[in-house]
C-alpha atoms as a PDB file:
ATOM      1  CA  LEU A   1     -55.613-116.332 131.480  1.00  0.00           C
ATOM      2  CA  ALA A   2     -54.511-115.409 135.013  1.00  0.00           C
ATOM      3  CA  GLY A   3     -55.310-116.458 138.543  1.00  0.00           C
ATOM      4  CA  HIS A   4     -55.372-112.875 139.772  1.00  0.00           C
ATOM      5  CA  VAL A   5     -54.921-109.509 138.032  1.00  0.00           C
ATOM      6  CA  VAL A   6     -53.978-106.183 139.603  1.00  0.00           C
ATOM      7  CA  SER A   7     -54.742-103.211 137.360  1.00  0.00           C
ATOM      8  CA  VAL A   8     -53.732 -99.589 137.962  1.00  0.00           C
ATOM      9  CA  GLU A   9     -55.639 -96.721 136.316  1.00  0.00           C
ATOM     10  CA  ARG A  10     -54.733 -93.075 136.840  1.00  0.00           C
ATOM     11  CA  HIS A  11     -58.295 -91.784 136.295  1.00  0.00           C
ATOM     12  CA  ALA A  12     -60.842 -92.701 138.989  1.00  0.00           C
ATOM     13  CA  GLY A  13     -63.752 -92.398 136.537  1.00  0.00           C
ATOM     14  CA  LEU A  14     -62.201 -94.910 134.146  1.00  0.00           C
ATOM     15  CA  ALA A  15     -61.482 -97.277 137.033  1.00  0.00           C
ATOM     16  CA  ARG A  16     -65.144 -97.094 138.137  1.00  0.00           C
ATOM     17  CA  LEU A  17     -66.326 -97.773 134.576  1.00  0.00           C
ATOM     18  CA  ALA A  18     -63.936-100.730 134.284  1.00  0.00           C
ATOM     19  CA  ALA A  19     -65.221-102.090 137.603  1.00  0.00           C
ATOM     20  CA  GLU A  20     -68.800-101.902 136.320  1.00  0.00           C
ATOM     21  CA  HIS A  21     -67.891-103.796 133.150  1.00  0.00           C
ATOM     22  CA  LEU A  22     -65.921-106.431 135.056  1.00  0.00           C
ATOM     23  CA  HIS A  23     -68.849-106.902 137.439  1.00  0.00           C
ATOM     24  CA  ALA A  24     -71.216-107.306 134.468  1.00  0.00           C
ATOM     25  CA  CYS A  25     -68.877-109.982 133.063  1.00  0.00           C
ATOM     26  CA  ARG A  26     -68.745-111.661 136.489  1.00  0.00           C
ATOM     27  CA  ALA A  27     -64.961-111.339 136.569  1.00  0.00           C
ATOM     28  CA  GLN A  28     -63.902-111.858 140.172  1.00  0.00           C
ATOM     29  CA  ASN A  29     -60.128-112.134 139.854  1.00  0.00           C
ATOM     30  CA  VAL A  30     -59.381-108.498 138.989  1.00  0.00           C
ATOM     31  CA  GLU A  31     -58.330-105.920 141.558  1.00  0.00           C
ATOM     32  CA  LEU A  32     -58.626-102.318 140.317  1.00  0.00           C
ATOM     33  CA  MET A  33     -56.570 -99.528 141.857  1.00  0.00           C
ATOM     34  CA  VAL A  34     -56.360 -95.802 141.165  1.00  0.00           C
ATOM     35  CA  GLY A  35     -52.815 -94.475 141.085  1.00  0.00           C
ATOM     36  CA  ASP A  36     -49.603 -93.942 139.153  1.00  0.00           C
ATOM     37  CA  GLY A  37     -49.248 -96.989 136.913  1.00  0.00           C
ATOM     38  CA  SER A  38     -45.610 -96.152 136.199  1.00  0.00           C
ATOM     39  CA  ARG A  39     -44.897 -96.966 139.858  1.00  0.00           C
ATOM     40  CA  GLY A  40     -46.849-100.233 139.877  1.00  0.00           C
ATOM     41  CA  VAL A  41     -47.989-101.756 143.156  1.00  0.00           C
ATOM     42  CA  PRO A  42     -44.896-102.545 145.257  1.00  0.00           C
ATOM     43  CA  ALA A  43     -46.974-103.915 148.133  1.00  0.00           C
ATOM     44  CA  ARG A  44     -48.356-106.675 145.855  1.00  0.00           C
ATOM     45  CA  ALA A  45     -45.043-107.618 144.192  1.00  0.00           C
ATOM     46  CA  PRO A  46     -43.518-109.753 142.891  1.00  0.00           C
ATOM     47  CA  PHE A  47     -45.538-110.221 139.713  1.00  0.00           C
ATOM     48  CA  GLU A  48     -45.061-113.076 137.255  1.00  0.00           C
ATOM     49  CA  ALA A  49     -46.174-110.836 134.396  1.00  0.00           C
ATOM     50  CA  ILE A  50     -46.629-107.103 133.893  1.00  0.00           C
ATOM     51  CA  ALA A  51     -48.361-105.560 130.873  1.00  0.00           C
ATOM     52  CA  VAL A  52     -47.887-101.824 130.368  1.00  0.00           C
ATOM     53  CA  HIS A  53     -50.559-100.299 128.132  1.00  0.00           C
ATOM     54  CA  ALA A  54     -48.920 -96.923 127.532  1.00  0.00           C
ATOM     55  CA  ALA A  55     -45.600 -95.978 125.922  1.00  0.00           C
ATOM     56  CA  ALA A  56     -42.735 -95.215 128.300  1.00  0.00           C
ATOM     57  CA  PRO A  57     -39.393 -93.529 127.530  1.00  0.00           C
ATOM     58  CA  ALA A  58     -37.751 -96.677 128.970  1.00  0.00           C
ATOM     59  CA  PRO A  59     -38.988 -99.677 130.934  1.00  0.00           C
ATOM     60  CA  PRO A  60     -40.000 -98.115 134.287  1.00  0.00           C
ATOM     61  CA  PRO A  61     -37.419 -99.113 136.949  1.00  0.00           C
ATOM     62  CA  ALA A  62     -40.129 -99.518 139.620  1.00  0.00           C
ATOM     63  CA  LEU A  63     -41.924-102.075 137.448  1.00  0.00           C
ATOM     64  CA  LEU A  64     -38.696-103.947 136.705  1.00  0.00           C
ATOM     65  CA  GLU A  65     -38.080-104.206 140.457  1.00  0.00           C
ATOM     66  CA  GLN A  66     -41.572-105.676 140.943  1.00  0.00           C
ATOM     67  CA  LEU A  67     -41.074-108.385 138.331  1.00  0.00           C
ATOM     68  CA  ALA A  68     -40.515-111.879 139.746  1.00  0.00           C
ATOM     69  CA  ASP A  69     -37.429-113.862 138.796  1.00  0.00           C
ATOM     70  CA  GLY A  70     -38.407-115.687 135.610  1.00  0.00           C
ATOM     71  CA  GLY A  71     -41.172-113.140 134.996  1.00  0.00           C
ATOM     72  CA  ARG A  72     -41.828-111.082 131.901  1.00  0.00           C
ATOM     73  CA  MET A  73     -42.985-107.564 131.170  1.00  0.00           C
ATOM     74  CA  VAL A  74     -44.440-106.271 127.914  1.00  0.00           C
ATOM     75  CA  VAL A  75     -44.004-102.527 127.455  1.00  0.00           C
ATOM     76  CA  PRO A  76     -44.124-100.154 124.478  1.00  0.00           C
ATOM     77  CA  VAL A  77     -40.858 -98.202 124.600  1.00  0.00           C
ATOM     78  CA  ALA A  78     -40.817 -94.773 122.914  1.00  0.00           C
ATOM     79  CA  ASP A  79     -37.427 -93.747 121.543  1.00  0.00           C
ATOM     80  CA  ASP A  80     -37.070 -90.559 119.473  1.00  0.00           C
ATOM     81  CA  GLY A  81     -40.724 -90.639 118.413  1.00  0.00           C
ATOM     82  CA  ASP A  82     -40.721 -94.309 117.417  1.00  0.00           C
ATOM     83  CA  GLU A  83     -42.365 -96.907 119.641  1.00  0.00           C
ATOM     84  CA  MET A  84     -41.356-100.563 119.889  1.00  0.00           C
ATOM     85  CA  LEU A  85     -43.386-103.193 121.695  1.00  0.00           C
ATOM     86  CA  THR A  86     -40.767-104.881 123.862  1.00  0.00           C
ATOM     87  CA  VAL A  87     -40.755-107.982 126.061  1.00  0.00           C
ATOM     88  CA  LEU A  88     -38.365-108.083 129.004  1.00  0.00           C
ATOM     89  CA  HIS A  89     -37.546-111.378 130.722  1.00  0.00           C
ATOM     90  CA  ARG A  90     -36.055-111.275 134.208  1.00  0.00           C
ATOM     91  CA  HIS A  91     -33.225-113.670 135.041  1.00  0.00           C
ATOM     92  CA  GLY A  92     -32.111-112.867 138.597  1.00  0.00           C
ATOM     93  CA  SER A  93     -30.842-109.295 138.482  1.00  0.00           C
ATOM     94  CA  GLU A  94     -30.489-109.331 134.674  1.00  0.00           C
ATOM     95  CA  PHE A  95     -33.116-108.401 132.082  1.00  0.00           C
ATOM     96  CA  GLU A  96     -33.242-109.666 128.513  1.00  0.00           C
ATOM     97  CA  ALA A  97     -35.097-107.318 126.146  1.00  0.00           C
ATOM     98  CA  VAL A  98     -36.642-108.568 122.910  1.00  0.00           C
ATOM     99  CA  ALA A  99     -38.128-106.082 120.423  1.00  0.00           C
ATOM    100  CA  ILE A 100     -41.375-107.454 118.999  1.00  0.00           C
ATOM    101  CA  THR A 101     -42.929-104.947 116.602  1.00  0.00           C
ATOM    102  CA  PRO A 102     -43.365-101.230 115.991  1.00  0.00           C
ATOM    103  CA  CYS A 103     -46.477 -99.920 117.698  1.00  0.00           C
ATOM    104  CA  ARG A 104     -48.366 -96.804 118.746  1.00  0.00           C
ATOM    105  CA  PHE A 105     -49.755 -96.264 122.277  1.00  0.00           C
ATOM    106  CA  VAL A 106     -50.794 -93.317 124.415  1.00  0.00           C
ATOM    107  CA  LEU A 107     -47.956 -91.946 126.554  1.00  0.00           C
ATOM    108  CA  LEU A 108     -47.373 -93.298 130.055  1.00  0.00           C
ATOM    109  CA  ILE A 109     -48.026 -90.375 132.398  1.00  0.00           C
ATOM    110  CA  GLY A 110     -46.450 -90.627 135.822  1.00  0.00           C
ATOM    111  CA  ALA A 111     -43.293 -90.401 137.890  1.00  0.00           C
ATOM    112  CA  GLU A 112     -41.482 -92.954 135.706  1.00  0.00           C
ATOM    113  CA  GLY A 113     -43.191 -92.104 132.432  1.00  0.00           C
ATOM    114  CA  PHE A 114     -43.520 -88.865 130.485  1.00  0.00           C
END
C-alpha cells in the first residue's frame, strides 16, 4: 500500500510490540518512532499521506504543514463530543476538508491534541 511508512507511537512499550509484529510479518518498509504524534515528524516531511488514529480537537497544524502539495490527511475531528472522520486535501496553501462519517476514536494526546 505504501513504499515507506513512518509511524509515531507515544508509548515505547507499544512501539516495541509493534516492531516485533512487523518483524514477524517481514515488513521492512515501516519506520517506528516514539514521540508526540500530534507533532508528526518534521524532519521526514513532506508526506503524501498522513493517517491520524486518534481524535483531535482540530486537524493538528504541525501535521498540515508536513503534508505535501496534493497530499491528503485522514483525521477524526472531535467537536463538542461528536467525532467526524475527515479527509483533508492540500492544494498549495489551501486545504479542502471533506467529512466522511461519524466515528469514535481514542483522544489524541500531545501538544496539538487534547
